[in-house]
Amino acid sequence: MKKVVRLPQNWSIKTIVTIAIAVVSISFTLIIAAILYSEFSSTIKENATVSTREIVRQVNANLNYYINDIVTISGYARDLSKQTNELGKEQIEDKLTAILESR
């Protein structure tokens, strides 16, 4: 036996066509939205990965610059500490201040 779908008798053809068009339109919109979401989410992930790599690269460069400056300053401080017997405390502080201000 075949089942026959019976619509309520008070629905007109116009109502049925309107509902059918609405269902098709909503289905089409949902399919397009899912496709666009998938495409844009993968693009966003790629952009986030590239940005993160760039940030890490920049942080590494800044750390290298900072470490090189610290090594240079500590070299100057070491050289000054060798001269502590020859220089007064104020002279050493003045030289260290001058070195720091030059950076």
N, C-alpha and C. Protein backbone atom coordinates (compact mmCIF):
# COMPACT_ATOMS: atom_id res chain seq x y z
N MET A 1 0.81 -1.18 0.00
CA MET A 1 0.00 0.00 0.00
C MET A 1 0.85 1.25 0.00
N LYS A 2 0.49 2.19 -0.79
CA LYS A 2 1.18 3.46 -0.84
C LYS A 2 0.52 4.43 0.12
N LYS A 3 1.40 5.18 0.80
CA LYS A 3 0.86 6.22 1.66
C LYS A 3 0.69 7.48 0.83
N VAL A 4 -0.37 8.11 0.99
CA VAL A 4 -0.63 9.35 0.28
C VAL A 4 -0.58 10.48 1.30
N VAL A 5 0.21 11.47 0.95
CA VAL A 5 0.32 12.62 1.84
C VAL A 5 -0.88 13.52 1.55
N ARG A 6 -1.62 13.74 2.57
CA ARG A 6 -2.79 14.60 2.40
C ARG A 6 -2.54 15.93 3.11
N LEU A 7 -2.79 16.97 2.38
CA LEU A 7 -2.63 18.31 2.93
C LEU A 7 -3.96 18.74 3.51
N PRO A 8 -3.88 19.63 4.45
CA PRO A 8 -5.15 20.15 4.96
C PRO A 8 -5.96 20.74 3.82
N GLN A 9 -7.25 20.53 3.87
CA GLN A 9 -8.10 20.93 2.76
C GLN A 9 -8.24 22.44 2.63
N ASN A 10 -7.96 23.19 3.66
CA ASN A 10 -8.13 24.63 3.57
C ASN A 10 -6.91 25.34 2.99
N TRP A 11 -5.82 24.60 2.63
CA TRP A 11 -4.65 25.22 2.01
C TRP A 11 -4.89 25.37 0.52
N SER A 12 -4.56 26.53 0.04
CA SER A 12 -4.70 26.76 -1.39
C SER A 12 -3.40 26.42 -2.09
N ILE A 13 -3.44 26.38 -3.40
CA ILE A 13 -2.24 26.12 -4.19
C ILE A 13 -1.21 27.23 -3.93
N LYS A 14 -1.69 28.44 -3.81
CA LYS A 14 -0.81 29.58 -3.55
C LYS A 14 -0.04 29.39 -2.25
N THR A 15 -0.68 28.91 -1.21
CA THR A 15 -0.04 28.66 0.08
C THR A 15 1.00 27.55 -0.04
N ILE A 16 0.66 26.50 -0.75
CA ILE A 16 1.58 25.37 -0.92
C ILE A 16 2.81 25.81 -1.71
N VAL A 17 2.62 26.57 -2.78
CA VAL A 17 3.75 27.05 -3.59
C VAL A 17 4.62 27.99 -2.76
N THR A 18 4.01 28.84 -1.97
CA THR A 18 4.76 29.77 -1.13
C THR A 18 5.62 29.01 -0.12
N ILE A 19 5.04 28.01 0.51
CA ILE A 19 5.79 27.20 1.49
C ILE A 19 6.92 26.45 0.80
N ALA A 20 6.65 25.90 -0.39
CA ALA A 20 7.68 25.16 -1.13
C ALA A 20 8.84 26.08 -1.51
N ILE A 21 8.54 27.28 -1.98
CA ILE A 21 9.59 28.23 -2.34
C ILE A 21 10.38 28.65 -1.10
N ALA A 22 9.70 28.85 -0.01
CA ALA A 22 10.39 29.22 1.23
C ALA A 22 11.33 28.11 1.68
N VAL A 23 10.88 26.86 1.63
CA VAL A 23 11.71 25.73 2.05
C VAL A 23 12.94 25.61 1.14
N VAL A 24 12.74 25.75 -0.17
CA VAL A 24 13.86 25.66 -1.11
C VAL A 24 14.83 26.82 -0.88
N SER A 25 14.30 28.02 -0.69
CA SER A 25 15.16 29.19 -0.46
C SER A 25 15.97 29.04 0.82
N ILE A 26 15.34 28.63 1.89
CA ILE A 26 16.04 28.46 3.17
C ILE A 26 17.09 27.35 3.05
N SER A 27 16.75 26.26 2.39
CA SER A 27 17.71 25.17 2.20
C SER A 27 18.92 25.65 1.41
N PHE A 28 18.67 26.37 0.32
CA PHE A 28 19.75 26.90 -0.51
C PHE A 28 20.63 27.86 0.30
N THR A 29 20.02 28.72 1.09
CA THR A 29 20.76 29.67 1.91
C THR A 29 21.62 28.94 2.94
N LEU A 30 21.08 27.91 3.57
CA LEU A 30 21.85 27.15 4.56
C LEU A 30 23.03 26.43 3.91
N ILE A 31 22.84 25.89 2.73
CA ILE A 31 23.93 25.20 2.03
C ILE A 31 25.03 26.20 1.69
N ILE A 32 24.66 27.35 1.14
CA ILE A 32 25.65 28.39 0.80
C ILE A 32 26.37 28.88 2.06
N ALA A 33 25.63 29.07 3.13
CA ALA A 33 26.24 29.52 4.39
C ALA A 33 27.25 28.50 4.90
N ALA A 34 26.93 27.22 4.82
CA ALA A 34 27.85 26.18 5.28
C ALA A 34 29.11 26.16 4.42
N ILE A 35 28.96 26.32 3.12
CA ILE A 35 30.12 26.33 2.23
C ILE A 35 31.00 27.54 2.52
N LEU A 36 30.39 28.71 2.65
CA LEU A 36 31.16 29.92 2.93
C LEU A 36 31.84 29.86 4.30
N TYR A 37 31.15 29.31 5.29
CA TYR A 37 31.74 29.17 6.63
C TYR A 37 32.98 28.28 6.56
N SER A 38 32.86 27.18 5.85
CA SER A 38 33.99 26.26 5.73
C SER A 38 35.18 26.94 5.05
N GLU A 39 34.90 27.66 3.98
CA GLU A 39 35.98 28.34 3.24
C GLU A 39 36.63 29.43 4.08
N PHE A 40 35.83 30.28 4.70
CA PHE A 40 36.39 31.38 5.46
C PHE A 40 37.05 30.92 6.75
N SER A 41 36.55 29.87 7.37
CA SER A 41 37.19 29.40 8.61
C SER A 41 38.58 28.84 8.31
N SER A 42 38.75 28.17 7.18
CA SER A 42 40.09 27.67 6.85
C SER A 42 41.02 28.83 6.51
N THR A 43 40.50 29.86 5.84
CA THR A 43 41.31 31.04 5.53
C THR A 43 41.71 31.76 6.80
N ILE A 44 40.80 31.88 7.74
CA ILE A 44 41.10 32.54 9.02
C ILE A 44 42.16 31.76 9.78
N LYS A 45 42.08 30.44 9.77
CA LYS A 45 43.09 29.63 10.46
C LYS A 45 44.46 29.83 9.83
N GLU A 46 44.51 29.87 8.50
CA GLU A 46 45.79 30.10 7.82
C GLU A 46 46.36 31.47 8.18
N ASN A 47 45.51 32.50 8.17
CA ASN A 47 45.97 33.85 8.51
C ASN A 47 46.44 33.93 9.96
N ALA A 48 45.75 33.25 10.86
CA ALA A 48 46.17 33.24 12.26
C ALA A 48 47.52 32.56 12.42
N THR A 49 47.74 31.48 11.68
CA THR A 49 49.01 30.78 11.74
C THR A 49 50.15 31.67 11.24
N VAL A 50 49.92 32.35 10.12
CA VAL A 50 50.94 33.24 9.57
C VAL A 50 51.23 34.38 10.55
N SER A 51 50.19 34.97 11.13
CA SER A 51 50.38 36.06 12.08
C SER A 51 51.14 35.60 13.31
N THR A 52 50.81 34.43 13.81
CA THR A 52 51.51 33.91 14.99
C THR A 52 52.98 33.67 14.69
N ARG A 53 53.27 33.11 13.52
CA ARG A 53 54.67 32.89 13.14
C ARG A 53 55.42 34.22 13.05
N GLU A 54 54.78 35.23 12.49
CA GLU A 54 55.41 36.54 12.36
C GLU A 54 55.66 37.16 13.74
N ILE A 55 54.73 37.02 14.64
CA ILE A 55 54.90 37.55 15.99
C ILE A 55 56.06 36.84 16.70
N VAL A 56 56.13 35.53 16.57
CA VAL A 56 57.21 34.76 17.20
C VAL A 56 58.56 35.18 16.61
N ARG A 57 58.60 35.37 15.28
CA ARG A 57 59.84 35.80 14.64
C ARG A 57 60.27 37.18 15.16
N GLN A 58 59.32 38.08 15.29
CA GLN A 58 59.62 39.43 15.78
C GLN A 58 60.09 39.39 17.24
N VAL A 59 59.45 38.57 18.06
CA VAL A 59 59.86 38.44 19.47
C VAL A 59 61.29 37.88 19.54
N ASN A 60 61.60 36.88 18.70
CA ASN A 60 62.95 36.33 18.69
C ASN A 60 63.98 37.39 18.30
N ALA A 61 63.64 38.19 17.29
CA ALA A 61 64.56 39.25 16.86
C ALA A 61 64.76 40.26 17.99
N ASN A 62 63.68 40.64 18.66
CA ASN A 62 63.79 41.61 19.76
C ASN A 62 64.60 41.04 20.92
N LEU A 63 64.40 39.76 21.22
CA LEU A 63 65.19 39.13 22.30
C LEU A 63 66.67 39.08 21.94
N ASN A 64 66.97 38.76 20.70
CA ASN A 64 68.38 38.74 20.28
C ASN A 64 69.01 40.12 20.41
N TYR A 65 68.28 41.15 19.99
CA TYR A 65 68.77 42.52 20.11
C TYR A 65 68.99 42.88 21.58
N TYR A 66 68.02 42.53 22.41
CA TYR A 66 68.10 42.82 23.85
C TYR A 66 69.29 42.09 24.47
N ILE A 67 69.47 40.83 24.16
CA ILE A 67 70.57 40.04 24.73
C ILE A 67 71.92 40.59 24.27
N ASN A 68 72.01 40.98 23.00
CA ASN A 68 73.27 41.57 22.52
C ASN A 68 73.59 42.86 23.27
N ASP A 69 72.57 43.67 23.52
CA ASP A 69 72.80 44.90 24.29
C ASP A 69 73.23 44.59 25.72
N ILE A 70 72.59 43.62 26.33
CA ILE A 70 72.96 43.25 27.71
C ILE A 70 74.40 42.74 27.75
N VAL A 71 74.79 41.94 26.77
CA VAL A 71 76.17 41.44 26.73
C VAL A 71 77.16 42.59 26.57
N THR A 72 76.81 43.53 25.71
CA THR A 72 77.69 44.69 25.51
C THR A 72 77.82 45.51 26.78
N ILE A 73 76.68 45.78 27.42
CA ILE A 73 76.71 46.57 28.66
C ILE A 73 77.47 45.83 29.76
N SER A 74 77.26 44.51 29.84
CA SER A 74 77.99 43.77 30.88
C SER A 74 79.48 43.75 30.60
N GLY A 75 79.87 43.79 29.33
CA GLY A 75 81.29 43.89 28.98
C GLY A 75 81.86 45.21 29.45
N TYR A 76 81.09 46.30 29.23
CA TYR A 76 81.54 47.61 29.72
C TYR A 76 81.62 47.61 31.25
N ALA A 77 80.64 47.01 31.90
CA ALA A 77 80.64 46.97 33.36
C ALA A 77 81.84 46.17 33.87
N ARG A 78 82.16 45.08 33.17
CA ARG A 78 83.32 44.26 33.57
C ARG A 78 84.61 45.07 33.44
N ASP A 79 84.70 45.80 32.30
CA ASP A 79 85.90 46.62 32.11
C ASP A 79 86.01 47.70 33.19
N LEU A 80 84.85 48.27 33.55
CA LEU A 80 84.87 49.30 34.60
C LEU A 80 85.22 48.70 35.96
N SER A 81 84.75 47.46 36.18
CA SER A 81 85.04 46.85 37.48
C SER A 81 86.53 46.56 37.64
N LYS A 82 87.22 46.36 36.52
CA LYS A 82 88.67 46.15 36.60
C LYS A 82 89.39 47.43 37.02
N GLN A 83 88.71 48.57 36.73
CA GLN A 83 89.33 49.85 37.05
C GLN A 83 88.85 50.41 38.39
N THR A 84 88.15 49.62 39.18
CA THR A 84 87.57 50.15 40.42
C THR A 84 88.61 50.71 41.37
N ASN A 85 89.79 50.15 41.37
CA ASN A 85 90.82 50.67 42.26
C ASN A 85 91.30 52.04 41.79
N GLU A 86 91.19 52.27 40.48
CA GLU A 86 91.69 53.52 39.91
C GLU A 86 90.62 54.61 39.89
N LEU A 87 89.33 54.22 39.80
CA LEU A 87 88.25 55.19 39.68
C LEU A 87 87.43 55.25 40.97
N GLY A 88 86.87 56.42 41.21
CA GLY A 88 85.98 56.56 42.36
C GLY A 88 84.58 56.06 42.03
N LYS A 89 83.78 55.88 43.07
CA LYS A 89 82.43 55.36 42.91
C LYS A 89 81.59 56.27 42.00
N GLU A 90 81.71 57.55 42.16
CA GLU A 90 80.92 58.49 41.36
C GLU A 90 81.32 58.44 39.89
N GLN A 91 82.59 58.27 39.62
CA GLN A 91 83.06 58.18 38.23
C GLN A 91 82.52 56.91 37.56
N ILE A 92 82.50 55.82 38.30
CA ILE A 92 81.97 54.56 37.75
C ILE A 92 80.48 54.69 37.48
N GLU A 93 79.76 55.29 38.44
CA GLU A 93 78.32 55.48 38.23
C GLU A 93 78.06 56.39 37.04
N ASP A 94 78.86 57.43 36.87
CA ASP A 94 78.70 58.34 35.74
C ASP A 94 78.93 57.61 34.41
N LYS A 95 79.96 56.78 34.36
CA LYS A 95 80.24 56.04 33.13
C LYS A 95 79.14 55.04 32.81
N LEU A 96 78.64 54.33 33.83
CA LEU A 96 77.55 53.37 33.61
C LEU A 96 76.29 54.10 33.16
N THR A 97 76.00 55.26 33.74
CA THR A 97 74.85 56.04 33.34
C THR A 97 75.00 56.50 31.89
N ALA A 98 76.18 56.92 31.51
CA ALA A 98 76.43 57.35 30.13
C ALA A 98 76.23 56.18 29.15
N ILE A 99 76.69 55.00 29.53
CA ILE A 99 76.53 53.82 28.68
C ILE A 99 75.04 53.50 28.52
N LEU A 100 74.30 53.51 29.61
CA LEU A 100 72.88 53.19 29.55
C LEU A 100 72.11 54.22 28.73
N GLU A 101 72.46 55.49 28.87
CA GLU A 101 71.77 56.55 28.12
C GLU A 101 72.08 56.47 26.64
N SER A 102 73.25 55.94 26.28
CA SER A 102 73.60 55.84 24.86
C SER A 102 72.82 54.74 24.15
N ARG A 103 72.18 53.88 24.89
CA ARG A 103 71.40 52.77 24.30
C ARG A 103 70.05 53.25 24.02
